[in-house]
Amino acid sequence: MTGYHTIMQQLPTMKNNYWRYYTAFFTLALLILISVKNGEAEPLLNPTFQTIFTPLQADPMEPRIAVMPSLSDRTLQLDIGSSADLYQSKNRDFAVGVDFGTYSRLRRSESFKFPVDAIDYIFGINTSWKKPITSDRLPFDEFSARARFSHISAHFEDGHYDSAAGQWIQGDCPFPIPFTYSREFINLVFALSSPNNRIYAGYQLVYHTIPGGISPHSFQAGAELNTPGNTYVAADLKLLPIWHDNLNETKGYRGTWNLQAGVRLKAAGLENVRVAYNYFSGMSRHGMYFYRPESFSTAGIIIDF
């Protein structure tokens, strides 16, 4: 009961914080769109999934549609989401867009049932920009950048609840379940690309987080390469903070790899569909497991809009 009363006492503060950040989020979006309208004699909104900044192929935190069963245990990754540009400049060198997505960890059980163990929700706005490279010294012909202002929250669901015992499955979680996980952050990515490959680097600043004690900084780098026969390989590396139970805070960083190889089904007329193998090793992408290192392989289908 003590934990329950503590949560109830914190609710007014939590609601005020959410209201403040949501208000800031929509105010910023409105200001960006108004500035775009005043600067260009074009339609204010013209939504398209053909974004100026192409989503990163191997980044597991990109909004996407994917079904990726695990090859090492009876779990399933189900992602539902996408990024869209609401506005693109006439020359398609600047855009303002939105991101919406969910990342779910499902358990595979009998009778084709998939109870949800954990789920993350993300939404935000983004702005992107690109510019041709005319120098012959670089094997790239385009520089691009994207900035995101996002909110993400995470929750345990029915797959993490023991209905027979009538209680949550505590497992190795260092916090009493249920606990609140919420982050607001700014993410920056810079990329060099050509028709067949791309390299990128990024930085993320978390400016509000529950639980507290989380380092606000994380770093990212990656590469993508198109290979013969509509195949591709991609790698994403992040340096993510490590949680220490004894300190009740993060200290130090761990490299978190996501390696992906696949084939686009262009020959079957499914240009936007990929069949991919994925290997992940590092700190979990799921907020409810942010303290836990994981290593697993998946294989499945990814749909690009």
Protein backbone atom coordinates (compact mmCIF):
# COMPACT_ATOMS: atom_id res chain seq x y z
CA MET A 1 0.00 0.00 0.00
CA THR A 2 2.92 2.33 0.67
CA GLY A 3 3.94 2.19 -3.00
CA TYR A 4 0.35 2.80 -4.06
CA HIS A 5 0.04 5.90 -1.86
CA THR A 6 3.37 7.19 -3.15
CA ILE A 7 2.22 6.87 -6.76
CA MET A 8 -1.10 8.57 -5.96
CA GLN A 9 0.73 11.45 -4.29
CA GLN A 10 2.93 11.87 -7.36
CA LEU A 11 0.08 11.87 -9.87
CA PRO A 12 -0.70 15.63 -9.74
CA THR A 13 2.97 16.48 -10.34
CA MET A 14 3.23 13.89 -13.13
CA LYS A 15 0.11 15.27 -14.82
CA ASN A 16 1.44 18.83 -14.59
CA ASN A 17 4.75 17.72 -16.13
CA TYR A 18 3.00 15.90 -18.97
CA TRP A 19 0.74 18.89 -19.62
CA ARG A 20 3.73 21.23 -19.72
CA TYR A 21 5.65 19.10 -22.19
CA TYR A 22 2.64 18.37 -24.39
CA THR A 23 1.86 22.09 -24.53
CA ALA A 24 5.45 22.88 -25.47
CA PHE A 25 5.37 20.11 -28.09
CA PHE A 26 2.29 21.39 -29.92
CA THR A 27 3.31 25.04 -29.54
CA LEU A 28 6.65 24.30 -31.20
CA ALA A 29 4.93 22.36 -33.98
CA LEU A 30 2.55 25.26 -34.60
CA LEU A 31 5.35 27.83 -34.68
CA ILE A 32 7.36 25.75 -37.16
CA LEU A 33 4.40 25.33 -39.48
CA ILE A 34 3.49 29.03 -39.29
CA SER A 35 7.07 30.02 -40.12
CA VAL A 36 7.06 27.62 -43.07
CA LYS A 37 3.79 29.07 -44.35
CA ASN A 38 5.08 32.62 -44.12
CA GLY A 39 8.35 31.72 -45.86
CA GLU A 40 6.93 29.77 -48.80
CA ALA A 41 3.94 30.38 -51.02
CA GLU A 42 3.00 26.69 -50.99
CA PRO A 43 0.33 24.55 -49.34
CA LEU A 44 0.81 24.45 -45.58
CA LEU A 45 0.36 20.68 -45.31
CA ASN A 46 1.08 18.04 -47.92
CA PRO A 47 1.67 14.79 -46.00
CA THR A 48 3.87 12.15 -47.57
CA PHE A 49 5.66 9.01 -46.38
CA GLN A 50 8.43 9.74 -48.91
CA THR A 51 10.46 11.59 -46.30
CA ILE A 52 13.43 13.76 -47.22
CA PHE A 53 15.53 11.97 -44.61
CA THR A 54 15.27 8.23 -45.28
CA PRO A 55 14.66 6.27 -42.03
CA LEU A 56 17.73 4.44 -40.72
CA GLN A 57 17.49 0.78 -41.71
CA ALA A 58 19.16 -0.85 -38.70
CA ASP A 59 18.14 1.57 -35.94
CA PRO A 60 15.64 -0.37 -33.74
CA MET A 61 14.15 2.93 -32.50
CA GLU A 62 12.95 4.09 -35.93
CA PRO A 63 9.14 4.08 -36.27
CA ARG A 64 8.36 1.25 -38.71
CA ILE A 65 6.09 -1.68 -39.45
CA ALA A 66 7.83 -4.96 -38.68
CA VAL A 67 7.12 -8.48 -37.49
CA MET A 68 10.32 -10.10 -36.21
CA PRO A 69 10.04 -13.45 -34.35
CA SER A 70 12.98 -14.27 -32.10
CA LEU A 71 15.21 -17.18 -33.14
CA SER A 72 16.45 -17.79 -29.59
CA ASP A 73 13.28 -17.76 -27.43
CA ARG A 74 9.49 -17.70 -27.67
CA THR A 75 9.09 -13.97 -28.14
CA LEU A 76 8.06 -11.75 -31.02
CA GLN A 77 8.89 -8.14 -31.86
CA LEU A 78 5.96 -6.24 -33.32
CA ASP A 79 6.51 -2.64 -34.42
CA ILE A 80 3.71 -0.42 -35.72
CA GLY A 81 4.48 3.13 -36.79
CA SER A 82 5.93 5.44 -39.37
CA SER A 83 7.43 8.84 -40.04
CA ALA A 84 5.79 11.28 -42.45
CA ASP A 85 6.70 14.71 -43.78
CA LEU A 86 3.84 17.16 -43.38
CA TYR A 87 5.66 19.84 -45.32
CA GLN A 88 8.42 19.71 -47.93
CA SER A 89 9.96 22.73 -49.60
CA LYS A 90 9.59 23.16 -53.33
CA ASN A 91 13.11 21.86 -53.96
CA ARG A 92 12.66 18.97 -51.48
CA ASP A 93 15.65 20.10 -49.45
CA PHE A 94 13.81 20.94 -46.21
CA ALA A 95 10.91 19.25 -44.42
CA VAL A 96 8.87 19.26 -41.21
CA GLY A 97 7.29 15.98 -40.16
CA VAL A 98 5.92 13.75 -37.44
CA ASP A 99 6.84 10.39 -35.90
CA PHE A 100 4.42 7.90 -34.33
CA GLY A 101 5.21 4.37 -33.29
CA THR A 102 4.93 1.46 -30.89
CA TYR A 103 7.56 -1.18 -30.10
CA SER A 104 6.10 -4.34 -28.58
CA ARG A 105 7.63 -7.44 -27.05
CA LEU A 106 5.10 -10.30 -27.30
CA ARG A 107 5.26 -13.79 -25.86
CA ARG A 108 4.40 -16.68 -28.19
CA SER A 109 2.06 -19.06 -26.41
CA GLU A 110 -0.19 -21.93 -27.40
CA SER A 111 -3.30 -21.58 -29.61
CA PHE A 112 -1.75 -18.71 -31.60
CA LYS A 113 -1.90 -16.27 -28.67
CA PHE A 114 0.55 -13.40 -28.20
CA PRO A 115 0.27 -11.78 -24.77
CA VAL A 116 2.08 -8.43 -24.67
CA ASP A 117 4.96 -8.42 -22.22
CA ALA A 118 6.10 -4.81 -22.72
CA ILE A 119 5.24 -1.96 -25.07
CA ASP A 120 6.76 1.44 -25.79
CA TYR A 121 4.92 4.40 -27.31
CA ILE A 122 6.76 7.19 -29.12
CA PHE A 123 5.55 10.34 -30.83
CA GLY A 124 7.17 13.59 -31.84
CA ILE A 125 7.96 16.13 -34.51
CA ASN A 126 11.02 16.33 -36.71
CA THR A 127 12.71 18.60 -39.17
CA SER A 128 15.11 17.44 -41.89
CA TRP A 129 17.40 19.02 -44.41
CA LYS A 130 19.66 17.88 -47.24
CA LYS A 131 22.23 19.39 -49.58
CA PRO A 132 24.13 18.05 -52.63
CA ILE A 133 27.87 17.45 -52.31
CA THR A 134 29.86 18.63 -55.31
CA SER A 135 33.35 17.70 -54.10
CA ASP A 136 35.07 14.82 -55.90
CA ARG A 137 37.13 14.02 -52.80
CA LEU A 138 34.27 12.20 -51.07
CA PRO A 139 32.50 9.03 -52.33
CA PHE A 140 29.16 10.64 -51.43
CA ASP A 141 26.86 12.99 -53.28
CA GLU A 142 24.53 14.19 -50.51
CA PHE A 143 24.67 15.51 -46.95
CA SER A 144 21.51 15.28 -44.84
CA ALA A 145 20.45 15.93 -41.27
CA ARG A 146 17.43 15.30 -39.07
CA ALA A 147 16.41 16.70 -35.68
CA ARG A 148 13.68 15.09 -33.57
CA PHE A 149 11.79 16.36 -30.54
CA SER A 150 10.12 13.27 -29.04
CA HIS A 151 8.30 11.74 -26.08
CA ILE A 152 8.47 8.04 -25.24
CA SER A 153 6.75 6.05 -22.51
CA ALA A 154 6.83 2.35 -21.69
CA HIS A 155 4.51 -0.09 -19.92
CA PHE A 156 4.25 -3.71 -18.80
CA GLU A 157 1.09 -5.42 -20.08
CA ASP A 158 -0.85 -8.68 -19.60
CA GLY A 159 2.09 -10.85 -20.67
CA HIS A 160 4.03 -9.63 -17.64
CA TYR A 161 1.23 -10.40 -15.19
CA ASP A 162 0.72 -13.69 -13.33
CA SER A 163 -3.07 -14.05 -13.34
CA ALA A 164 -2.96 -17.18 -11.16
CA ALA A 165 -1.00 -15.38 -8.43
CA GLY A 166 -2.79 -12.09 -9.04
CA GLN A 167 0.40 -10.06 -9.23
CA TRP A 168 3.02 -8.62 -11.56
CA ILE A 169 6.06 -10.73 -12.41
CA GLN A 170 8.88 -8.90 -10.63
CA GLY A 171 11.75 -10.80 -12.27
CA ASP A 172 15.07 -8.92 -12.20
CA CYS A 173 13.46 -5.46 -12.32
CA PRO A 174 15.20 -3.10 -9.83
CA PHE A 175 11.99 -1.08 -9.39
CA PRO A 176 8.71 -2.19 -7.78
CA ILE A 177 6.29 -3.05 -10.59
CA PRO A 178 4.42 -1.17 -11.92
CA PHE A 179 6.73 1.83 -12.25
CA THR A 180 6.60 4.91 -14.46
CA TYR A 181 8.94 5.19 -17.44
CA SER A 182 8.84 8.41 -19.43
CA ARG A 183 11.43 10.36 -21.40
CA GLU A 184 11.49 13.51 -23.51
CA PHE A 185 14.51 13.97 -25.73
CA ILE A 186 16.12 15.70 -28.69
CA ASN A 187 17.83 13.47 -31.26
CA LEU A 188 20.21 14.71 -33.97
CA VAL A 189 21.51 12.62 -36.89
CA PHE A 190 23.91 13.68 -39.66
CA ALA A 191 24.47 11.52 -42.75
CA LEU A 192 26.57 11.25 -45.89
CA SER A 193 25.00 9.20 -48.66
CA SER A 194 25.20 8.02 -52.25
CA PRO A 195 22.76 5.84 -54.22
CA ASN A 196 24.37 2.66 -52.84
CA ASN A 197 25.46 3.50 -49.31
CA ARG A 198 25.16 5.81 -46.33
CA ILE A 199 27.10 6.51 -43.14
CA TYR A 200 25.76 8.51 -40.22
CA ALA A 201 26.45 9.76 -36.72
CA GLY A 202 24.09 11.04 -34.06
CA TYR A 203 23.64 12.43 -30.56
CA GLN A 204 20.68 12.29 -28.18
CA LEU A 205 19.95 14.57 -25.23
CA VAL A 206 17.34 13.45 -22.68
CA TYR A 207 16.07 16.59 -20.93
CA HIS A 208 13.37 14.97 -18.78
CA THR A 209 13.19 11.41 -17.47
CA ILE A 210 11.29 9.18 -15.07
CA PRO A 211 12.95 7.31 -13.33
CA GLY A 212 15.63 9.88 -12.52
CA GLY A 213 19.35 9.27 -12.26
CA ILE A 214 19.67 8.66 -16.02
CA SER A 215 22.59 10.14 -17.94
CA PRO A 216 21.12 12.61 -20.47
CA HIS A 217 23.67 11.78 -23.17
CA SER A 218 23.88 8.94 -25.69
CA PHE A 219 25.70 8.57 -29.01
CA GLN A 220 25.11 6.79 -32.30
CA ALA A 221 26.86 5.80 -35.52
CA GLY A 222 26.02 3.48 -38.38
CA ALA A 223 26.40 2.43 -41.99
CA GLU A 224 24.19 1.03 -44.77
CA LEU A 225 25.32 -0.73 -47.93
CA ASN A 226 23.26 -1.89 -50.90
CA THR A 227 24.60 -5.17 -52.27
CA PRO A 228 23.81 -7.12 -55.48
CA GLY A 229 20.43 -8.74 -56.06
CA ASN A 230 18.34 -6.20 -54.10
CA THR A 231 20.13 -7.22 -50.91
CA TYR A 232 21.56 -4.93 -48.26
CA VAL A 233 23.51 -4.92 -45.01
CA ALA A 234 23.28 -2.30 -42.27
CA ALA A 235 24.76 -1.72 -38.83
CA ASP A 236 23.76 0.63 -36.03
CA LEU A 237 25.94 1.26 -32.95
CA LYS A 238 24.82 3.18 -29.89
CA LEU A 239 26.64 4.08 -26.69
CA LEU A 240 23.92 3.84 -24.03
CA PRO A 241 24.15 4.56 -20.28
CA ILE A 242 24.47 1.57 -17.93
CA TRP A 243 22.17 1.41 -14.89
CA HIS A 244 23.77 0.49 -11.55
CA ASP A 245 21.36 -0.78 -8.88
CA ASN A 246 23.75 -0.01 -6.04
CA LEU A 247 24.10 3.62 -7.15
CA ASN A 248 20.48 4.06 -8.23
CA GLU A 249 21.76 5.87 -11.31
CA THR A 250 23.57 5.31 -14.61
CA LYS A 251 27.34 5.34 -14.84
CA GLY A 252 29.45 4.57 -17.88
CA TYR A 253 28.32 3.39 -21.33
CA ARG A 254 27.85 0.10 -23.15
CA GLY A 255 28.10 -0.42 -26.88
CA THR A 256 24.76 -1.59 -28.28
CA TRP A 257 24.88 -3.20 -31.72
CA ASN A 258 22.04 -3.86 -34.11
CA LEU A 259 23.17 -5.68 -37.26
CA GLN A 260 20.78 -6.35 -40.13
CA ALA A 261 20.96 -8.11 -43.50
CA GLY A 262 18.09 -8.61 -45.88
CA VAL A 263 16.59 -8.58 -49.33
CA ARG A 264 14.01 -6.25 -50.86
CA LEU A 265 11.24 -8.12 -52.67
CA LYS A 266 11.35 -5.97 -55.81
CA ALA A 267 11.36 -9.02 -58.06
CA ALA A 268 7.99 -10.03 -56.61
CA GLY A 269 6.55 -6.54 -57.13
CA LEU A 270 6.83 -5.74 -53.41
CA GLU A 271 9.32 -2.91 -53.61
CA ASN A 272 8.61 -1.64 -50.10
CA VAL A 273 8.87 -5.01 -48.36
CA ARG A 274 12.08 -6.38 -46.85
CA VAL A 275 12.80 -9.84 -45.49
CA ALA A 276 15.56 -9.42 -42.93
CA TYR A 277 17.75 -11.13 -40.36
CA ASN A 278 18.61 -9.05 -37.32
CA TYR A 279 21.16 -9.48 -34.51
CA PHE A 280 20.94 -7.29 -31.40
CA SER A 281 23.42 -7.08 -28.52
CA GLY A 282 23.49 -4.41 -25.84
CA MET A 283 21.12 -2.45 -23.61
CA SER A 284 17.45 -3.28 -24.26
CA ARG A 285 15.49 -0.89 -26.44
CA HIS A 286 12.40 -1.36 -24.26
CA GLY A 287 11.92 1.22 -21.53
CA MET A 288 10.71 -1.36 -19.01
CA TYR A 289 14.03 -3.17 -19.50
CA PHE A 290 16.33 -0.16 -19.94
CA TYR A 291 18.58 -1.52 -17.16
CA ARG A 292 19.06 -4.95 -18.82
CA PRO A 293 21.67 -6.05 -21.38
CA GLU A 294 20.29 -8.43 -24.03
CA SER A 295 21.55 -10.50 -26.93
CA PHE A 296 19.28 -12.21 -29.47
CA SER A 297 18.54 -12.81 -33.16
CA THR A 298 15.30 -12.25 -35.07
CA ALA A 299 14.12 -12.81 -38.63
CA GLY A 300 10.98 -11.46 -40.26
CA ILE A 301 9.35 -8.86 -42.47
CA ILE A 302 9.76 -5.07 -42.53
CA ILE A 303 7.47 -2.79 -44.54
CA ASP A 304 8.72 0.61 -45.73
CA PHE A 305 6.24 3.25 -46.79
